[in-house]
């Protein structure tokens, strides 16, 4: 649909990317402490 909602594949890719960034930040945070 042309209402600005990404396709399921794109949504999954974005979700994986965000999860990876969050995991990297958590690892860095735990290592800092």
PDB file of N, CA and C in Angstrom:
ATOM      1  N   UNK A   1       0.830  -1.212   0.000  1.00  0.00           N
ATOM      2  CA  UNK A   1       0.000   0.000   0.000  1.00  0.00           C
ATOM      3  C   UNK A   1       0.865   1.263   0.000  1.00  0.00           C
ATOM      4  N   UNK A   2       0.305   2.361  -0.511  1.00  0.00           N
ATOM      5  CA  UNK A   2       1.063   3.609  -0.629  1.00  0.00           C
ATOM      6  C   UNK A   2       0.770   4.532   0.551  1.00  0.00           C
ATOM      7  N   UNK A   3       0.745   3.964   1.747  1.00  0.00           N
ATOM      8  CA  UNK A   3       0.473   4.797   2.926  1.00  0.00           C
ATOM      9  C   UNK A   3       1.708   4.914   3.818  1.00  0.00           C
ATOM     10  N   UNK A   4       2.883   4.595   3.290  1.00  0.00           N
ATOM     11  CA  UNK A   4       4.114   4.783   4.043  1.00  0.00           C
ATOM     12  C   UNK A   4       4.503   3.587   4.895  1.00  0.00           C
ATOM     13  N   UNK A   5       3.789   2.470   4.784  1.00  0.00           N
ATOM     14  CA  UNK A   5       4.140   1.291   5.579  1.00  0.00           C
ATOM     15  C   UNK A   5       5.115   0.427   4.783  1.00  0.00           C
ATOM     16  N   UNK A   6       6.304   0.141   5.325  1.00  0.00           N
ATOM     17  CA  UNK A   6       7.288  -0.665   4.592  1.00  0.00           C
ATOM     18  C   UNK A   6       6.835  -2.108   4.428  1.00  0.00           C
ATOM     19  N   UNK A   7       7.462  -2.807   3.486  1.00  0.00           N
ATOM     20  CA  UNK A   7       7.104  -4.208   3.265  1.00  0.00           C
ATOM     21  C   UNK A   7       7.585  -5.065   4.442  1.00  0.00           C
ATOM     22  N   UNK A   8       6.992  -6.253   4.626  1.00  0.00           N
ATOM     23  CA  UNK A   8       7.403  -7.146   5.728  1.00  0.00           C
ATOM     24  C   UNK A   8       8.901  -7.414   5.709  1.00  0.00           C
ATOM     25  N   UNK A   9       9.458  -7.600   4.523  1.00  0.00           N
ATOM     26  CA  UNK A   9      10.897  -7.876   4.429  1.00  0.00           C
ATOM     27  C   UNK A   9      11.707  -6.695   4.917  1.00  0.00           C
ATOM     28  N   UNK A  10      11.320  -5.489   4.491  1.00  0.00           N
ATOM     29  CA  UNK A  10      12.043  -4.294   4.928  1.00  0.00           C
ATOM     30  C   UNK A  10      11.887  -4.114   6.434  1.00  0.00           C
ATOM     31  N   UNK A  11      10.678  -4.354   6.926  1.00  0.00           N
ATOM     32  CA  UNK A  11      10.427  -4.200   8.354  1.00  0.00           C
ATOM     33  C   UNK A  11      11.311  -5.160   9.151  1.00  0.00           C
ATOM     34  N   UNK A  12      11.433  -6.406   8.681  1.00  0.00           N
ATOM     35  CA  UNK A  12      12.268  -7.383   9.375  1.00  0.00           C
ATOM     36  C   UNK A  12      13.728  -6.938   9.341  1.00  0.00           C
ATOM     37  N   UNK A  13      14.165  -6.421   8.193  1.00  0.00           N
ATOM     38  CA  UNK A  13      15.551  -5.956   8.081  1.00  0.00           C
ATOM     39  C   UNK A  13      15.809  -4.808   9.052  1.00  0.00           C
ATOM     40  N   UNK A  14      14.883  -3.872   9.117  1.00  0.00           N
ATOM     41  CA  UNK A  14      15.035  -2.733  10.034  1.00  0.00           C
ATOM     42  C   UNK A  14      15.060  -3.234  11.479  1.00  0.00           C
ATOM     43  N   UNK A  15      14.179  -4.178  11.790  1.00  0.00           N
ATOM     44  CA  UNK A  15      14.131  -4.722  13.150  1.00  0.00           C
ATOM     45  C   UNK A  15      15.439  -5.389  13.525  1.00  0.00           C
ATOM     46  N   UNK A  16      15.989  -6.176  12.595  1.00  0.00           N
ATOM     47  CA  UNK A  16      17.263  -6.844  12.872  1.00  0.00           C
ATOM     48  C   UNK A  16      18.365  -5.812  13.072  1.00  0.00           C
ATOM     49  N   UNK A  17      18.370  -4.785  12.262  1.00  0.00           N
ATOM     50  CA  UNK A  17      19.388  -3.742  12.394  1.00  0.00           C
ATOM     51  C   UNK A  17      19.299  -3.055  13.754  1.00  0.00           C
ATOM     52  N   UNK A  18      18.080  -2.704  14.158  1.00  0.00           N
ATOM     53  CA  UNK A  18      17.909  -2.043  15.452  1.00  0.00           C
ATOM     54  C   UNK A  18      18.319  -2.972  16.585  1.00  0.00           C
ATOM     55  N   UNK A  19      17.975  -4.251  16.474  1.00  0.00           N
ATOM     56  CA  UNK A  19      18.346  -5.218  17.509  1.00  0.00           C
ATOM     57  C   UNK A  19      19.863  -5.329  17.601  1.00  0.00           C
ATOM     58  N   UNK A  20      20.529  -5.345  16.449  1.00  0.00           N
ATOM     59  CA  UNK A  20      21.991  -5.434  16.448  1.00  0.00           C
ATOM     60  C   UNK A  20      22.613  -4.214  17.108  1.00  0.00           C
ATOM     61  N   UNK A  21      22.091  -3.034  16.793  1.00  0.00           N
ATOM     62  CA  UNK A  21      22.624  -1.807  17.402  1.00  0.00           C
ATOM     63  C   UNK A  21      22.400  -1.830  18.913  1.00  0.00           C
ATOM     64  N   UNK A  22      21.212  -2.249  19.332  1.00  0.00           N
ATOM     65  CA  UNK A  22      20.905  -2.300  20.758  1.00  0.00           C
ATOM     66  C   UNK A  22      21.831  -3.288  21.468  1.00  0.00           C
ATOM     67  N   UNK A  23      22.074  -4.434  20.847  1.00  0.00           N
ATOM     68  CA  UNK A  23      22.955  -5.440  21.447  1.00  0.00           C
ATOM     69  C   UNK A  23      24.374  -4.895  21.557  1.00  0.00           C
ATOM     70  N   UNK A  24      24.847  -4.211  20.511  1.00  0.00           N
ATOM     71  CA  UNK A  24      26.197  -3.644  20.536  1.00  0.00           C
ATOM     72  C   UNK A  24      26.303  -2.602  21.646  1.00  0.00           C
ATOM     73  N   UNK A  25      25.289  -1.777  21.792  1.00  0.00           N
ATOM     74  CA  UNK A  25      25.316  -0.752  22.842  1.00  0.00           C
ATOM     75  C   UNK A  25      25.329  -1.403  24.215  1.00  0.00           C
ATOM     76  N   UNK A  26      24.539  -2.456  24.385  1.00  0.00           N
ATOM     77  CA  UNK A  26      24.511  -3.139  25.687  1.00  0.00           C
ATOM     78  C   UNK A  26      25.873  -3.733  26.004  1.00  0.00           C
ATOM     79  N   UNK A  27      26.498  -4.365  25.010  1.00  0.00           N
ATOM     80  CA  UNK A  27      27.817  -4.964  25.233  1.00  0.00           C
ATOM     81  C   UNK A  27      28.830  -3.888  25.618  1.00  0.00           C
ATOM     82  N   UNK A  28      28.801  -2.761  24.901  1.00  0.00           N
ATOM     83  CA  UNK A  28      29.738  -1.678  25.213  1.00  0.00           C
ATOM     84  C   UNK A  28      29.475  -1.145  26.620  1.00  0.00           C
ATOM     85  N   UNK A  29      28.206  -1.016  26.980  1.00  0.00           N
ATOM     86  CA  UNK A  29      27.856  -0.475  28.292  1.00  0.00           C
ATOM     87  C   UNK A  29      28.347  -1.405  29.400  1.00  0.00           C
ATOM     88  N   UNK A  30      28.138  -2.710  29.222  1.00  0.00           N
ATOM     89  CA  UNK A  30      28.552  -3.664  30.248  1.00  0.00           C
ATOM     90  C   UNK A  30      30.071  -3.717  30.341  1.00  0.00           C
ATOM     91  N   UNK A  31      30.762  -3.571  29.202  1.00  0.00           N
ATOM     92  CA  UNK A  31      32.220  -3.589  29.221  1.00  0.00           C
ATOM     93  C   UNK A  31      32.752  -2.329  29.910  1.00  0.00           C
ATOM     94  N   UNK A  32      32.078  -1.189  29.713  1.00  0.00           N
ATOM     95  CA  UNK A  32      32.520   0.062  30.321  1.00  0.00           C
ATOM     96  C   UNK A  32      32.459  -0.053  31.845  1.00  0.00           C
ATOM     97  N   UNK A  33      31.418  -0.696  32.336  1.00  0.00           N
ATOM     98  CA  UNK A  33      31.317  -0.876  33.782  1.00  0.00           C
ATOM     99  C   UNK A  33      32.139  -2.084  34.197  1.00  0.00           C
TER     100      UNK A  33
END
